[in-house]
Amino acid sequence: RDRLEKGEMKLWGCYQNSYLVGVMAL
């Protein structure tokens, strides 16, 4: 959460309908 808030990391999710099936962080 701290990394996301500071902008050190970005996070994406891939959903099928409302079910999270994949995650990637940059």
PDB file of all heavy atoms in Angstrom:
ATOM      1  N   ARG A   1       0.838  -1.206   0.000  1.00  0.00           N
ATOM      2  CA  ARG A   1       0.000   0.000   0.000  1.00  0.00           C
ATOM      3  C   ARG A   1       0.872   1.256   0.000  1.00  0.00           C
ATOM      4  O   ARG A   1       0.617   2.200  -0.748  1.00  0.00           O
ATOM      5  CB  ARG A   1      -0.933  -0.001   1.208  1.00  0.00           C
ATOM      6  CG  ARG A   1      -1.884   1.204   1.194  1.00  0.00           C
ATOM      7  CD  ARG A   1      -2.666   1.307   2.451  1.00  0.00           C
ATOM      8  NE  ARG A   1      -1.721   1.556   3.536  1.00  0.00           N
ATOM      9  CZ  ARG A   1      -1.969   1.332   4.806  1.00  0.00           C
ATOM     10  NH1 ARG A   1      -3.124   0.833   5.184  1.00  0.00           N
ATOM     11  NH2 ARG A   1      -1.061   1.593   5.719  1.00  0.00           N
ATOM     12  N   ASP A   2       1.935   1.235   0.806  1.00  0.00           N
ATOM     13  CA  ASP A   2       2.844   2.391   0.843  1.00  0.00           C
ATOM     14  C   ASP A   2       3.513   2.613  -0.507  1.00  0.00           C
ATOM     15  O   ASP A   2       3.638   3.749  -0.968  1.00  0.00           O
ATOM     16  CB  ASP A   2       3.912   2.210   1.925  1.00  0.00           C
ATOM     17  CG  ASP A   2       3.342   2.312   3.339  1.00  0.00           C
ATOM     18  OD1 ASP A   2       2.177   2.759   3.494  1.00  0.00           O
ATOM     19  OD2 ASP A   2       4.054   1.926   4.280  1.00  0.00           O
ATOM     20  N   ARG A   3       3.938   1.534  -1.162  1.00  0.00           N
ATOM     21  CA  ARG A   3       4.565   1.671  -2.485  1.00  0.00           C
ATOM     22  C   ARG A   3       3.590   2.278  -3.495  1.00  0.00           C
ATOM     23  O   ARG A   3       3.967   3.112  -4.304  1.00  0.00           O
ATOM     24  CB  ARG A   3       5.053   0.316  -2.995  1.00  0.00           C
ATOM     25  CG  ARG A   3       6.256  -0.227  -2.278  1.00  0.00           C
ATOM     26  CD  ARG A   3       6.719  -1.559  -2.907  1.00  0.00           C
ATOM     27  NE  ARG A   3       7.561  -2.259  -1.991  1.00  0.00           N
ATOM     28  CZ  ARG A   3       7.199  -3.352  -1.297  1.00  0.00           C
ATOM     29  NH1 ARG A   3       6.010  -3.881  -1.473  1.00  0.00           N
ATOM     30  NH2 ARG A   3       8.028  -3.913  -0.462  1.00  0.00           N
ATOM     31  N   LEU A   4       2.339   1.838  -3.440  1.00  0.00           N
ATOM     32  CA  LEU A   4       1.323   2.378  -4.346  1.00  0.00           C
ATOM     33  C   LEU A   4       1.058   3.854  -4.048  1.00  0.00           C
ATOM     34  O   LEU A   4       1.000   4.680  -4.959  1.00  0.00           O
ATOM     35  CB  LEU A   4       0.022   1.582  -4.240  1.00  0.00           C
ATOM     36  CG  LEU A   4       0.049   0.155  -4.778  1.00  0.00           C
ATOM     37  CD1 LEU A   4      -1.242  -0.565  -4.419  1.00  0.00           C
ATOM     38  CD2 LEU A   4       0.274   0.135  -6.271  1.00  0.00           C
ATOM     39  N   GLU A   5       0.902   4.189  -2.772  1.00  0.00           N
ATOM     40  CA  GLU A   5       0.620   5.574  -2.384  1.00  0.00           C
ATOM     41  C   GLU A   5       1.757   6.512  -2.774  1.00  0.00           C
ATOM     42  O   GLU A   5       1.516   7.654  -3.164  1.00  0.00           O
ATOM     43  CB  GLU A   5       0.364   5.667  -0.881  1.00  0.00           C
ATOM     44  CG  GLU A   5      -0.983   5.129  -0.467  1.00  0.00           C
ATOM     45  CD  GLU A   5      -1.191   5.152   1.045  1.00  0.00           C
ATOM     46  OE1 GLU A   5      -0.257   5.532   1.794  1.00  0.00           O
ATOM     47  OE2 GLU A   5      -2.297   4.772   1.475  1.00  0.00           O
ATOM     48  N   LYS A   6       2.991   6.057  -2.649  1.00  0.00           N
ATOM     49  CA  LYS A   6       4.158   6.886  -2.983  1.00  0.00           C
ATOM     50  C   LYS A   6       4.422   6.936  -4.482  1.00  0.00           C
ATOM     51  O   LYS A   6       5.312   7.638  -4.929  1.00  0.00           O
ATOM     52  CB  LYS A   6       5.402   6.351  -2.268  1.00  0.00           C
ATOM     53  CG  LYS A   6       5.367   6.527  -0.773  1.00  0.00           C
ATOM     54  CD  LYS A   6       6.593   5.889  -0.144  1.00  0.00           C
ATOM     55  CE  LYS A   6       6.541   5.978   1.366  1.00  0.00           C
ATOM     56  NZ  LYS A   6       7.653   5.234   1.990  1.00  0.00           N
ATOM     57  N   GLY A   7       3.688   6.146  -5.260  1.00  0.00           N
ATOM     58  CA  GLY A   7       3.899   6.117  -6.692  1.00  0.00           C
ATOM     59  C   GLY A   7       5.095   5.288  -7.119  1.00  0.00           C
ATOM     60  O   GLY A   7       5.516   5.347  -8.268  1.00  0.00           O
ATOM     61  N   GLU A   8       5.652   4.503  -6.208  1.00  0.00           N
ATOM     62  CA  GLU A   8       6.798   3.648  -6.523  1.00  0.00           C
ATOM     63  C   GLU A   8       6.369   2.427  -7.331  1.00  0.00           C
ATOM     64  O   GLU A   8       7.192   1.781  -7.970  1.00  0.00           O
ATOM     65  CB  GLU A   8       7.477   3.166  -5.233  1.00  0.00           C
ATOM     66  CG  GLU A   8       8.084   4.278  -4.414  1.00  0.00           C
ATOM     67  CD  GLU A   8       8.548   3.802  -3.036  1.00  0.00           C
ATOM     68  OE1 GLU A   8       8.444   2.583  -2.735  1.00  0.00           O
ATOM     69  OE2 GLU A   8       9.005   4.653  -2.273  1.00  0.00           O
ATOM     70  N   MET A   9       5.075   2.117  -7.260  1.00  0.00           N
ATOM     71  CA  MET A   9       4.572   0.925  -7.925  1.00  0.00           C
ATOM     72  C   MET A   9       3.174   1.211  -8.460  1.00  0.00           C
ATOM     73  O   MET A   9       2.413   1.951  -7.855  1.00  0.00           O
ATOM     74  CB  MET A   9       4.535  -0.240  -6.936  1.00  0.00           C
ATOM     75  CG  MET A   9       4.188  -1.559  -7.538  1.00  0.00           C
ATOM     76  SD  MET A   9       4.373  -2.924  -6.353  1.00  0.00           S
ATOM     77  CE  MET A   9       6.148  -3.067  -6.281  1.00  0.00           C
ATOM     78  N   LYS A  10       2.883   0.604  -9.611  1.00  0.00           N
ATOM     79  CA  LYS A  10       1.540   0.631 -10.185  1.00  0.00           C
ATOM     80  C   LYS A  10       1.068  -0.808 -10.258  1.00  0.00           C
ATOM     81  O   LYS A  10       1.866  -1.723 -10.483  1.00  0.00           O
ATOM     82  CB  LYS A  10       1.566   1.228 -11.588  1.00  0.00           C
ATOM     83  CG  LYS A  10       2.007   2.665 -11.639  1.00  0.00           C
ATOM     84  CD  LYS A  10       2.081   3.130 -13.077  1.00  0.00           C
ATOM     85  CE  LYS A  10       2.639   4.536 -13.157  1.00  0.00           C
ATOM     86  NZ  LYS A  10       2.753   4.968 -14.561  1.00  0.00           N
ATOM     87  N   LEU A  11      -0.233  -0.993 -10.098  1.00  0.00           N
ATOM     88  CA  LEU A  11      -0.791  -2.339 -10.048  1.00  0.00           C
ATOM     89  C   LEU A  11      -2.004  -2.420 -10.961  1.00  0.00           C
ATOM     90  O   LEU A  11      -2.870  -1.546 -10.928  1.00  0.00           O
ATOM     91  CB  LEU A  11      -1.191  -2.637  -8.601  1.00  0.00           C
ATOM     92  CG  LEU A  11      -1.563  -4.043  -8.199  1.00  0.00           C
ATOM     93  CD1 LEU A  11      -0.385  -4.999  -8.347  1.00  0.00           C
ATOM     94  CD2 LEU A  11      -2.041  -4.049  -6.744  1.00  0.00           C
ATOM     95  N   TRP A  12      -2.049  -3.468 -11.790  1.00  0.00           N
ATOM     96  CA  TRP A  12      -3.184  -3.712 -12.674  1.00  0.00           C
ATOM     97  C   TRP A  12      -3.783  -5.068 -12.347  1.00  0.00           C
ATOM     98  O   TRP A  12      -3.080  -5.980 -11.927  1.00  0.00           O
ATOM     99  CB  TRP A  12      -2.760  -3.727 -14.135  1.00  0.00           C
ATOM    100  CG  TRP A  12      -2.450  -2.398 -14.709  1.00  0.00           C
ATOM    101  CD1 TRP A  12      -3.300  -1.551 -15.365  1.00  0.00           C
ATOM    102  CD2 TRP A  12      -1.175  -1.739 -14.711  1.00  0.00           C
ATOM    103  NE1 TRP A  12      -2.629  -0.411 -15.762  1.00  0.00           N
ATOM    104  CE2 TRP A  12      -1.326  -0.503 -15.363  1.00  0.00           C
ATOM    105  CE3 TRP A  12       0.076  -2.069 -14.201  1.00  0.00           C
ATOM    106  CZ2 TRP A  12      -0.283   0.393 -15.543  1.00  0.00           C
ATOM    107  CZ3 TRP A  12       1.125  -1.177 -14.364  1.00  0.00           C
ATOM    108  CH2 TRP A  12       0.943   0.038 -15.031  1.00  0.00           C
ATOM    109  N   GLY A  13      -5.077  -5.182 -12.617  1.00  0.00           N
ATOM    110  CA  GLY A  13      -5.752  -6.457 -12.446  1.00  0.00           C
ATOM    111  C   GLY A  13      -6.521  -6.797 -13.703  1.00  0.00           C
ATOM    112  O   GLY A  13      -7.004  -5.917 -14.410  1.00  0.00           O
ATOM    113  N   CYS A  14      -6.632  -8.071 -13.982  1.00  0.00           N
ATOM    114  CA  CYS A  14      -7.433  -8.559 -15.093  1.00  0.00           C
ATOM    115  C   CYS A  14      -8.621  -9.302 -14.495  1.00  0.00           C
ATOM    116  O   CYS A  14      -8.449 -10.205 -13.674  1.00  0.00           O
ATOM    117  CB  CYS A  14      -6.611  -9.493 -15.979  1.00  0.00           C
ATOM    118  SG  CYS A  14      -7.543 -10.129 -17.389  1.00  0.00           S
ATOM    119  N   TYR A  15      -9.805  -8.877 -14.906  1.00  0.00           N
ATOM    120  CA  TYR A  15     -11.042  -9.451 -14.380  1.00  0.00           C
ATOM    121  C   TYR A  15     -11.809 -10.181 -15.475  1.00  0.00           C
ATOM    122  O   TYR A  15     -11.872  -9.708 -16.610  1.00  0.00           O
ATOM    123  CB  TYR A  15     -11.958  -8.349 -13.830  1.00  0.00           C
ATOM    124  CG  TYR A  15     -11.461  -7.735 -12.558  1.00  0.00           C
ATOM    125  CD1 TYR A  15     -10.572  -6.668 -12.575  1.00  0.00           C
ATOM    126  CD2 TYR A  15     -11.891  -8.225 -11.329  1.00  0.00           C
ATOM    127  CE1 TYR A  15     -10.122  -6.099 -11.397  1.00  0.00           C
ATOM    128  CE2 TYR A  15     -11.447  -7.661 -10.145  1.00  0.00           C
ATOM    129  CZ  TYR A  15     -10.561  -6.601 -10.186  1.00  0.00           C
ATOM    130  OH  TYR A  15     -10.110  -6.039  -9.021  1.00  0.00           O
ATOM    131  N   GLN A  16     -12.382 -11.302 -15.086  1.00  0.00           N
ATOM    132  CA  GLN A  16     -13.396 -11.938 -15.923  1.00  0.00           C
ATOM    133  C   GLN A  16     -14.688 -11.746 -15.139  1.00  0.00           C
ATOM    134  O   GLN A  16     -14.836 -12.280 -14.040  1.00  0.00           O
ATOM    135  CB  GLN A  16     -13.117 -13.414 -16.151  1.00  0.00           C
ATOM    136  CG  GLN A  16     -14.180 -14.043 -17.021  1.00  0.00           C
ATOM    137  CD  GLN A  16     -13.843 -15.475 -17.380  1.00  0.00           C
ATOM    138  OE1 GLN A  16     -13.150 -16.173 -16.664  1.00  0.00           O
ATOM    139  NE2 GLN A  16     -14.349 -15.917 -18.511  1.00  0.00           N
ATOM    140  N   ASN A  17     -15.586 -10.955 -15.732  1.00  0.00           N
ATOM    141  CA  ASN A  17     -16.754 -10.462 -15.008  1.00  0.00           C
ATOM    142  C   ASN A  17     -16.221  -9.724 -13.781  1.00  0.00           C
ATOM    143  O   ASN A  17     -15.452  -8.802 -13.914  1.00  0.00           O
ATOM    144  CB  ASN A  17     -17.740 -11.583 -14.706  1.00  0.00           C
ATOM    145  CG  ASN A  17     -18.227 -12.245 -15.981  1.00  0.00           C
ATOM    146  OD1 ASN A  17     -18.528 -11.570 -16.957  1.00  0.00           O
ATOM    147  ND2 ASN A  17     -18.280 -13.568 -15.981  1.00  0.00           N
ATOM    148  N   SER A  18     -16.540 -10.123 -12.573  1.00  0.00           N
ATOM    149  CA  SER A  18     -16.016  -9.417 -11.405  1.00  0.00           C
ATOM    150  C   SER A  18     -14.976 -10.258 -10.659  1.00  0.00           C
ATOM    151  O   SER A  18     -14.603  -9.942  -9.537  1.00  0.00           O
ATOM    152  CB  SER A  18     -17.158  -9.040 -10.458  1.00  0.00           C
ATOM    153  OG  SER A  18     -17.827 -10.213 -10.034  1.00  0.00           O
ATOM    154  N   TYR A  19     -14.478 -11.316 -11.307  1.00  0.00           N
ATOM    155  CA  TYR A  19     -13.525 -12.235 -10.686  1.00  0.00           C
ATOM    156  C   TYR A  19     -12.104 -11.877 -11.131  1.00  0.00           C
ATOM    157  O   TYR A  19     -11.801 -11.873 -12.325  1.00  0.00           O
ATOM    158  CB  TYR A  19     -13.869 -13.668 -11.089  1.00  0.00           C
ATOM    159  CG  TYR A  19     -13.026 -14.734 -10.444  1.00  0.00           C
ATOM    160  CD1 TYR A  19     -12.989 -14.890  -9.064  1.00  0.00           C
ATOM    161  CD2 TYR A  19     -12.275 -15.601 -11.227  1.00  0.00           C
ATOM    162  CE1 TYR A  19     -12.217 -15.878  -8.477  1.00  0.00           C
ATOM    163  CE2 TYR A  19     -11.508 -16.600 -10.651  1.00  0.00           C
ATOM    164  CZ  TYR A  19     -11.489 -16.729  -9.267  1.00  0.00           C
ATOM    165  OH  TYR A  19     -10.729 -17.720  -8.683  1.00  0.00           O
ATOM    166  N   LEU A  20     -11.245 -11.583 -10.158  1.00  0.00           N
ATOM    167  CA  LEU A  20      -9.858 -11.231 -10.443  1.00  0.00           C
ATOM    168  C   LEU A  20      -9.087 -12.473 -10.863  1.00  0.00           C
ATOM    169  O   LEU A  20      -9.003 -13.440 -10.102  1.00  0.00           O
ATOM    170  CB  LEU A  20      -9.213 -10.595  -9.206  1.00  0.00           C
ATOM    171  CG  LEU A  20      -7.795 -10.061  -9.351  1.00  0.00           C
ATOM    172  CD1 LEU A  20      -7.737  -8.917 -10.373  1.00  0.00           C
ATOM    173  CD2 LEU A  20      -7.277  -9.576  -7.996  1.00  0.00           C
ATOM    174  N   VAL A  21      -8.531 -12.458 -12.078  1.00  0.00           N
ATOM    175  CA  VAL A  21      -7.841 -13.649 -12.590  1.00  0.00           C
ATOM    176  C   VAL A  21      -6.345 -13.428 -12.802  1.00  0.00           C
ATOM    177  O   VAL A  21      -5.597 -14.391 -12.938  1.00  0.00           O
ATOM    178  CB  VAL A  21      -8.486 -14.162 -13.900  1.00  0.00           C
ATOM    179  CG1 VAL A  21      -9.935 -14.551 -13.647  1.00  0.00           C
ATOM    180  CG2 VAL A  21      -8.390 -13.155 -15.019  1.00  0.00           C
ATOM    181  N   GLY A  22      -5.906 -12.171 -12.839  1.00  0.00           N
ATOM    182  CA  GLY A  22      -4.497 -11.885 -13.054  1.00  0.00           C
ATOM    183  C   GLY A  22      -4.102 -10.554 -12.451  1.00  0.00           C
ATOM    184  O   GLY A  22      -4.933  -9.650 -12.338  1.00  0.00           O
ATOM    185  N   VAL A  23      -2.826 -10.440 -12.066  1.00  0.00           N
ATOM    186  CA  VAL A  23      -2.298  -9.224 -11.449  1.00  0.00           C
ATOM    187  C   VAL A  23      -0.902  -8.965 -11.998  1.00  0.00           C
ATOM    188  O   VAL A  23      -0.121  -9.895 -12.201  1.00  0.00           O
ATOM    189  CB  VAL A  23      -2.222  -9.387  -9.909  1.00  0.00           C
ATOM    190  CG1 VAL A  23      -1.468  -8.240  -9.263  1.00  0.00           C
ATOM    191  CG2 VAL A  23      -3.600  -9.528  -9.303  1.00  0.00           C
ATOM    192  N   MET A  24      -0.613  -7.674 -12.219  1.00  0.00           N
ATOM    193  CA  MET A  24       0.737  -7.269 -12.619  1.00  0.00           C
ATOM    194  C   MET A  24       1.096  -5.982 -11.894  1.00  0.00           C
ATOM    195  O   MET A  24       0.261  -5.093 -11.760  1.00  0.00           O
ATOM    196  CB  MET A  24       0.829  -7.024 -14.119  1.00  0.00           C
ATOM    197  CG  MET A  24       2.230  -6.572 -14.523  1.00  0.00           C
ATOM    198  SD  MET A  24       2.317  -5.921 -16.193  1.00  0.00           S
ATOM    199  CE  MET A  24       1.194  -4.557 -16.115  1.00  0.00           C
ATOM    200  N   ALA A  25       2.345  -5.896 -11.441  1.00  0.00           N
ATOM    201  CA  ALA A  25       2.850  -4.667 -10.826  1.00  0.00           C
ATOM    202  C   ALA A  25       4.055  -4.183 -11.611  1.00  0.00           C
ATOM    203  O   ALA A  25       4.902  -4.967 -12.043  1.00  0.00           O
ATOM    204  CB  ALA A  25       3.236  -4.914  -9.372  1.00  0.00           C
ATOM    205  N   LEU A  26       4.118  -2.874 -11.773  1.00  0.00           N
ATOM    206  CA  LEU A  26       5.243  -2.218 -12.434  1.00  0.00           C
ATOM    207  C   LEU A  26       5.899  -1.321 -11.396  1.00  0.00           C
ATOM    208  O   LEU A  26       5.242  -0.478 -10.781  1.00  0.00           O
ATOM    209  CB  LEU A  26       4.738  -1.395 -13.620  1.00  0.00           C
ATOM    210  CG  LEU A  26       5.788  -0.821 -14.567  1.00  0.00           C
ATOM    211  CD1 LEU A  26       6.556  -1.940 -15.273  1.00  0.00           C
ATOM    212  CD2 LEU A  26       5.109   0.078 -15.594  1.00  0.00           C
TER     213      LEU A  26
END
